[in-house]
């Protein structure tokens, strides 16, 4: 069964030595284990630690709304 866990402490901003995942003490290495991560934008006061894809979707919707609102005035 595939299960992907999202930890409460995402370690933002990632610093050297931060442990991304710690299994149980008796866990054996799993060569099939997969790893995912999220790229985040950090611009203080604008988007602090927001996932990149989510931010792009929001910005795209904002720009589309502006274009739709201004299009009648540009004709």
Protein backbone atom coordinates (compact mmCIF):
# COMPACT_ATOMS: atom_id res chain seq x y z
CA UNK A 1 0.00 0.00 0.00
CA UNK A 2 1.36 3.43 -0.94
CA UNK A 3 1.10 6.04 1.79
CA UNK A 4 2.73 9.44 1.75
CA UNK A 5 3.08 11.27 5.03
CA UNK A 6 3.21 15.05 5.44
CA UNK A 7 5.02 15.89 8.69
CA UNK A 8 3.73 18.68 10.93
CA UNK A 9 7.23 20.16 11.15
CA UNK A 10 8.21 20.71 7.53
CA UNK A 11 11.56 22.17 8.53
CA UNK A 12 10.97 25.45 6.74
CA UNK A 13 13.46 27.02 6.15
CA UNK A 14 15.48 23.87 5.72
CA UNK A 15 18.74 23.94 7.61
CA UNK A 16 21.76 21.67 7.56
CA UNK A 17 21.27 18.68 9.83
CA UNK A 18 17.46 18.71 9.74
CA UNK A 19 16.27 15.09 9.69
CA UNK A 20 13.71 14.62 6.94
CA UNK A 21 12.56 11.17 8.01
CA UNK A 22 13.37 8.83 10.86
CA UNK A 23 11.91 5.33 10.76
CA UNK A 24 11.49 2.96 13.66
CA UNK A 25 14.66 1.74 15.34
CA UNK A 26 14.21 -1.80 14.00
CA UNK A 27 13.28 -0.79 10.42
CA UNK A 28 15.32 -2.33 7.65
CA UNK A 29 16.21 -0.21 4.60
CA UNK A 30 13.54 -0.34 1.91
CA UNK A 31 15.03 0.09 -1.58
CA UNK A 32 11.51 0.75 -2.94
CA UNK A 33 10.83 3.64 -0.55
CA UNK A 34 9.86 6.85 -2.32
CA UNK A 35 10.55 10.40 -1.25
CA UNK A 36 8.63 13.55 -2.14
CA UNK A 37 9.25 17.16 -1.28
CA UNK A 38 7.60 20.50 -1.94
CA UNK A 39 9.43 23.52 -3.29
CA UNK A 40 8.30 26.67 -1.50
CA UNK A 41 8.55 30.38 -2.16
CA UNK A 42 9.63 32.68 0.63
CA UNK A 43 9.17 36.38 0.13
CA UNK A 44 8.54 37.99 3.53
CA UNK A 45 5.21 39.77 3.63
CA UNK A 46 4.07 38.32 0.28
CA UNK A 47 4.21 34.52 0.36
CA UNK A 48 6.09 33.08 3.27
CA UNK A 49 6.80 29.40 2.79
CA UNK A 50 3.93 28.82 0.37
CA UNK A 51 4.21 25.78 -1.94
CA UNK A 52 5.34 26.88 -5.41
CA UNK A 53 2.57 25.15 -7.40
CA UNK A 54 -0.17 26.46 -5.11
CA UNK A 55 1.25 29.99 -5.38
CA UNK A 56 1.44 29.76 -9.18
CA UNK A 57 -2.21 28.65 -9.39
CA UNK A 58 -3.27 31.58 -7.19
CA UNK A 59 -1.19 34.09 -9.16
CA UNK A 60 -2.53 32.75 -12.46
CA UNK A 61 -6.12 33.13 -11.23
CA UNK A 62 -5.35 36.68 -10.05
CA UNK A 63 -3.83 37.71 -13.40
CA UNK A 64 -6.69 36.10 -15.34
CA UNK A 65 -9.18 38.04 -13.23
CA UNK A 66 -7.33 41.31 -13.89
CA UNK A 67 -7.19 40.64 -17.64
CA UNK A 68 -10.92 39.82 -17.76
CA UNK A 69 -11.75 43.00 -15.81
CA UNK A 70 -9.59 45.24 -18.02
CA UNK A 71 -10.31 43.72 -21.44
CA UNK A 72 -13.51 45.78 -22.08
CA UNK A 73 -11.59 48.99 -21.31
CA UNK A 74 -8.81 48.17 -23.79
CA UNK A 75 -11.07 47.98 -26.84
